[in-house]
Amino acid sequence: MKIGCFLASTADVKFSLEKSLYFDNTRIMETLNAAEILAALGHESRLAIFRLLVEAGPEGINASAIGEQLGMAPATLSFHLAHLSRVCLIDGQREGRFIHYSTNYGTMDELIAFLTRNCCQGKACLPKTATCDTIDKRRPTEESNS
């Protein structure tokens, strides 16, 4: 059973349709979504959890291993994992008594694209990010590696 992002529920879809009456500029909503995601990452513990899951790759790690590696109490860890799931940065998959968490790379890619879109009017100003300024560069396919 998949556990994770609550933003795609039926109620949210209905609410997002209602929001279109109030927000006719999609960039405002992109900004609000990005702000919510960045706020989630703005806490030291949540950032540590997210970085650990990014490093773990698509396979992810179960919750108890995250707690052991970061030295977090189960209740604290559960609170932070729920917050990261709510903003769709991570996904949880129940496996028996355990929940296995992994990074939602789609959300991460969208956030990076939002933050770097039209940076310096399209000029190469950030040498460290020039190698990852597109999804193709961040996640090369097997064809591009050959």
Protein backbone atom coordinates (compact mmCIF):
# COMPACT_ATOMS: atom_id res chain seq x y z
CA MET A 1 0.00 0.00 0.00
CA LYS A 2 1.47 3.32 -1.06
CA ILE A 3 1.60 6.10 1.51
CA GLY A 4 2.64 9.59 0.62
CA CYS A 5 1.66 12.85 -0.94
CA PHE A 6 -1.73 14.14 0.10
CA LEU A 7 -1.77 16.89 -2.51
CA ALA A 8 -3.32 14.71 -5.20
CA SER A 9 -6.48 13.66 -3.34
CA THR A 10 -9.95 14.19 -4.79
CA ALA A 11 -10.62 17.00 -2.30
CA ASP A 12 -7.43 18.75 -3.40
CA VAL A 13 -8.36 18.44 -7.07
CA LYS A 14 -11.76 20.01 -6.30
CA PHE A 15 -10.04 22.71 -4.20
CA SER A 16 -7.51 23.40 -6.99
CA LEU A 17 -10.39 23.93 -9.43
CA GLU A 18 -11.93 26.41 -6.99
CA LYS A 19 -8.56 28.15 -6.58
CA SER A 20 -8.48 28.88 -10.30
CA LEU A 21 -11.25 31.40 -9.67
CA TYR A 22 -8.91 33.34 -7.38
CA PHE A 23 -5.51 32.79 -9.03
CA ASP A 24 -5.43 33.42 -12.75
CA ASN A 25 -1.64 33.60 -12.84
CA THR A 26 -0.13 30.08 -12.61
CA ARG A 27 3.21 31.49 -11.51
CA ILE A 28 1.64 32.57 -8.23
CA MET A 29 0.57 29.00 -7.51
CA GLU A 30 3.99 27.68 -8.54
CA THR A 31 5.54 30.11 -6.09
CA LEU A 32 3.19 29.04 -3.29
CA ASN A 33 3.91 25.35 -3.94
CA ALA A 34 7.66 25.97 -4.03
CA ALA A 35 7.45 27.99 -0.82
CA GLU A 36 5.63 25.15 0.93
CA ILE A 37 8.23 22.61 -0.21
CA LEU A 38 11.12 24.88 0.76
CA ALA A 39 9.52 25.48 4.16
CA ALA A 40 9.42 21.73 4.72
CA LEU A 41 13.13 21.52 3.89
CA GLY A 42 13.81 24.53 6.11
CA HIS A 43 13.91 22.37 9.23
CA GLU A 44 17.27 20.75 10.04
CA SER A 45 15.80 17.32 10.78
CA ARG A 46 13.63 17.21 7.65
CA LEU A 47 16.55 18.34 5.50
CA ALA A 48 18.72 15.57 6.99
CA ILE A 49 16.01 12.98 6.28
CA PHE A 50 15.56 14.21 2.72
CA ARG A 51 19.33 14.23 2.03
CA LEU A 52 19.62 10.69 3.42
CA LEU A 53 16.82 9.49 1.14
CA VAL A 54 18.34 11.27 -1.89
CA GLU A 55 21.66 9.55 -1.18
CA ALA A 56 19.88 6.18 -0.81
CA GLY A 57 18.57 6.43 -4.38
CA PRO A 58 15.26 5.19 -5.77
CA GLU A 59 15.37 2.08 -3.57
CA GLY A 60 14.99 4.21 -0.43
CA ILE A 61 15.26 3.05 3.19
CA ASN A 62 12.80 1.83 5.82
CA ALA A 63 11.80 4.20 8.61
CA SER A 64 13.67 2.39 11.37
CA ALA A 65 16.95 2.60 9.42
CA ILE A 66 16.41 6.35 8.91
CA GLY A 67 15.86 6.78 12.66
CA GLU A 68 18.97 4.75 13.51
CA GLN A 69 21.21 6.61 11.06
CA LEU A 70 20.02 10.04 12.18
CA GLY A 71 19.55 9.22 15.87
CA MET A 72 15.90 10.30 15.96
CA ALA A 73 13.19 9.09 18.28
CA PRO A 74 10.39 7.22 16.43
CA ALA A 75 7.69 9.80 17.23
CA THR A 76 9.88 12.69 16.06
CA LEU A 77 10.87 10.82 12.92
CA SER A 78 7.23 9.97 12.15
CA PHE A 79 6.26 13.64 12.48
CA HIS A 80 8.98 14.77 10.05
CA LEU A 81 8.34 11.95 7.57
CA ALA A 82 4.63 12.86 7.50
CA HIS A 83 5.50 16.50 6.78
CA LEU A 84 7.83 15.55 3.89
CA SER A 85 5.17 13.18 2.53
CA ARG A 86 2.50 15.89 2.70
CA VAL A 87 4.50 18.16 0.39
CA CYS A 88 5.27 15.22 -1.95
CA LEU A 89 9.05 15.23 -1.41
CA ILE A 90 9.04 11.59 -0.30
CA ASP A 91 6.85 8.54 -0.82
CA GLY A 92 6.16 5.75 1.65
CA GLN A 93 5.36 2.15 0.77
CA ARG A 94 4.02 -0.15 3.49
CA GLU A 95 5.78 -3.51 3.58
CA GLY A 96 4.23 -5.61 6.32
CA ARG A 97 4.87 -3.85 9.64
CA PHE A 98 7.38 -1.44 8.12
CA ILE A 99 7.17 1.61 5.88
CA HIS A 100 9.84 1.99 3.23
CA TYR A 101 10.52 5.62 2.23
CA SER A 102 12.09 6.97 -0.95
CA THR A 103 12.62 10.36 -2.57
CA ASN A 104 9.99 11.62 -4.99
CA TYR A 105 12.47 12.68 -7.67
CA GLY A 106 9.74 14.23 -9.80
CA THR A 107 8.97 16.80 -7.11
CA MET A 108 12.69 17.40 -6.55
CA ASP A 109 13.22 17.98 -10.29
CA GLU A 110 10.27 20.38 -10.45
CA LEU A 111 11.63 22.36 -7.51
CA ILE A 112 15.12 22.60 -9.03
CA ALA A 113 13.63 23.66 -12.37
CA PHE A 114 11.49 26.30 -10.64
CA LEU A 115 14.46 27.71 -8.71
CA THR A 116 16.76 27.88 -11.73
CA ARG A 117 14.24 28.90 -14.42
CA ASN A 118 15.51 31.94 -16.34
CA CYS A 119 18.38 32.42 -13.92
CA CYS A 120 20.46 35.45 -14.91
CA GLN A 121 18.30 35.84 -18.02
CA GLY A 122 19.49 32.52 -19.41
CA LYS A 123 23.21 33.21 -19.03
CA ALA A 124 25.50 30.64 -17.45
CA CYS A 125 26.09 32.29 -14.08
CA LEU A 126 26.08 29.31 -11.76
CA PRO A 127 28.95 27.00 -12.72
CA LYS A 128 28.05 24.35 -10.14
CA THR A 129 24.48 24.06 -11.42
CA ALA A 130 25.25 24.31 -15.14
CA THR A 131 25.72 20.55 -15.21
CA CYS A 132 22.24 19.96 -13.80
CA ASP A 133 20.08 22.77 -15.16
CA THR A 134 17.79 20.42 -17.08
CA ILE A 135 16.09 17.17 -16.15
CA ASP A 136 18.04 15.44 -18.94
CA LYS A 137 21.34 16.50 -17.37
CA ARG A 138 20.27 15.53 -13.82
CA ARG A 139 18.89 12.14 -14.79
CA PRO A 140 20.76 10.95 -17.90
CA THR A 141 19.17 8.07 -19.77
CA GLU A 142 21.04 4.97 -20.91
CA GLU A 143 21.00 6.35 -24.48
CA SER A 144 22.84 9.54 -23.44
CA ASN A 145 25.48 7.47 -21.60
CA SER A 146 26.38 5.46 -24.70
